[in-house]
């Protein structure tokens, strides 16, 4: 694999995360397994919309589903994404603390 291919893989990962709903889903799934019904209720979105976003995340290897009875529980399995989310969430917290000081 050459350098350009490595960057292409990272770019594809970032593209998959580059939507507020997917960021919210990933952030919620980092520490908690969850099924579509619970995500739908939490996000207040139609089931089809949540499933569409889950499909994108799953196809990029960011999340994995585990069947539990009749439901599928999802969790984040990509360690790089977990690290990226920590950075993103800390940047947000850092910016909020700066705003409070003004």
Protein backbone atom coordinates (compact mmCIF):
# COMPACT_ATOMS: atom_id res chain seq x y z
CA UNK A 1 0.00 0.00 0.00
CA UNK A 2 1.43 3.37 -0.99
CA UNK A 3 1.08 6.66 0.86
CA UNK A 4 -1.79 7.92 -1.31
CA UNK A 5 -3.79 4.76 -0.58
CA UNK A 6 -3.23 5.26 3.16
CA UNK A 7 -4.59 8.80 2.90
CA UNK A 8 -7.54 7.61 0.82
CA UNK A 9 -8.50 5.13 3.55
CA UNK A 10 -8.34 7.84 6.21
CA UNK A 11 -10.35 10.21 3.98
CA UNK A 12 -13.06 7.57 3.54
CA UNK A 13 -13.23 7.14 7.30
CA UNK A 14 -13.56 10.90 7.81
CA UNK A 15 -16.25 11.10 5.11
CA UNK A 16 -18.26 8.46 6.94
CA UNK A 17 -18.05 10.51 10.14
CA UNK A 18 -18.76 13.83 8.40
CA UNK A 19 -22.45 14.06 9.29
CA UNK A 20 -23.89 15.32 12.59
CA UNK A 21 -26.24 12.36 12.98
CA UNK A 22 -23.45 9.84 12.41
CA UNK A 23 -21.18 11.71 14.83
CA UNK A 24 -23.96 11.58 17.42
CA UNK A 25 -24.53 7.86 16.82
CA UNK A 26 -20.82 7.06 17.07
CA UNK A 27 -20.41 9.17 20.19
CA UNK A 28 -23.31 7.34 21.84
CA UNK A 29 -22.08 3.89 20.79
CA UNK A 30 -18.52 4.30 22.03
CA UNK A 31 -19.44 3.42 25.61
CA UNK A 32 -22.83 1.76 25.14
CA UNK A 33 -24.23 -0.94 22.92
CA UNK A 34 -27.56 0.13 21.50
CA UNK A 35 -30.26 -1.07 19.12
CA UNK A 36 -31.98 0.88 16.33
CA UNK A 37 -35.21 1.40 18.28
CA UNK A 38 -33.44 3.04 21.20
CA UNK A 39 -31.31 5.20 18.87
CA UNK A 40 -34.42 6.24 16.96
CA UNK A 41 -36.14 7.32 20.16
CA UNK A 42 -33.07 9.16 21.42
CA UNK A 43 -32.42 10.96 18.12
CA UNK A 44 -36.13 11.51 17.38
CA UNK A 45 -35.63 10.34 13.81
CA UNK A 46 -37.44 7.79 11.63
CA UNK A 47 -36.14 4.23 11.86
CA UNK A 48 -35.24 4.26 8.17
CA UNK A 49 -33.00 7.33 8.64
CA UNK A 50 -31.17 5.76 11.57
CA UNK A 51 -30.74 2.50 9.65
CA UNK A 52 -29.33 4.37 6.66
CA UNK A 53 -26.68 6.04 8.82
CA UNK A 54 -25.88 2.77 10.58
CA UNK A 55 -25.39 1.13 7.18
CA UNK A 56 -22.82 3.74 6.20
CA UNK A 57 -20.95 3.36 9.49
CA UNK A 58 -21.05 -0.42 9.25
CA UNK A 59 -19.83 -0.48 5.63
CA UNK A 60 -16.79 1.62 6.63
CA UNK A 61 -15.92 -0.75 9.48
CA UNK A 62 -16.68 1.81 12.19
CA UNK A 63 -19.41 -0.14 13.96
CA UNK A 64 -20.45 -3.76 14.24
CA UNK A 65 -23.82 -5.29 15.00
CA UNK A 66 -24.39 -8.21 17.34
CA UNK A 67 -27.68 -10.09 17.23
CA UNK A 68 -29.44 -10.27 20.57
CA UNK A 69 -32.71 -12.14 20.16
CA UNK A 70 -34.73 -10.28 17.55
CA UNK A 71 -32.67 -7.11 17.79
CA UNK A 72 -29.20 -6.09 16.65
CA UNK A 73 -27.10 -4.16 19.14
CA UNK A 74 -24.41 -1.92 17.68
CA UNK A 75 -21.07 -0.84 19.08
CA UNK A 76 -18.02 1.06 17.82
CA UNK A 77 -15.19 -1.34 16.99
CA UNK A 78 -12.75 0.94 15.17
CA UNK A 79 -10.07 2.10 17.62
CA UNK A 80 -8.96 5.00 15.40
CA UNK A 81 -12.53 6.32 15.38
CA UNK A 82 -12.68 6.06 19.18
CA UNK A 83 -9.50 8.14 19.39
CA UNK A 84 -10.81 10.66 16.86
CA UNK A 85 -14.05 11.07 18.79
CA UNK A 86 -12.13 11.74 22.01
CA UNK A 87 -10.22 14.49 20.25
CA UNK A 88 -13.37 15.95 18.66
CA UNK A 89 -15.30 15.94 21.92
CA UNK A 90 -12.38 17.50 23.82
CA UNK A 91 -12.09 20.26 21.22
CA UNK A 92 -15.76 21.04 21.76
CA UNK A 93 -15.31 21.11 25.54
CA UNK A 94 -12.21 23.27 25.16
CA UNK A 95 -14.06 25.76 22.95
CA UNK A 96 -16.96 25.95 25.43
CA UNK A 97 -14.60 26.66 28.31
CA UNK A 98 -12.99 29.45 26.28
CA UNK A 99 -16.40 30.96 25.56
CA UNK A 100 -17.28 31.02 29.27
CA UNK A 101 -14.14 33.02 30.09
CA UNK A 102 -15.11 35.88 27.79
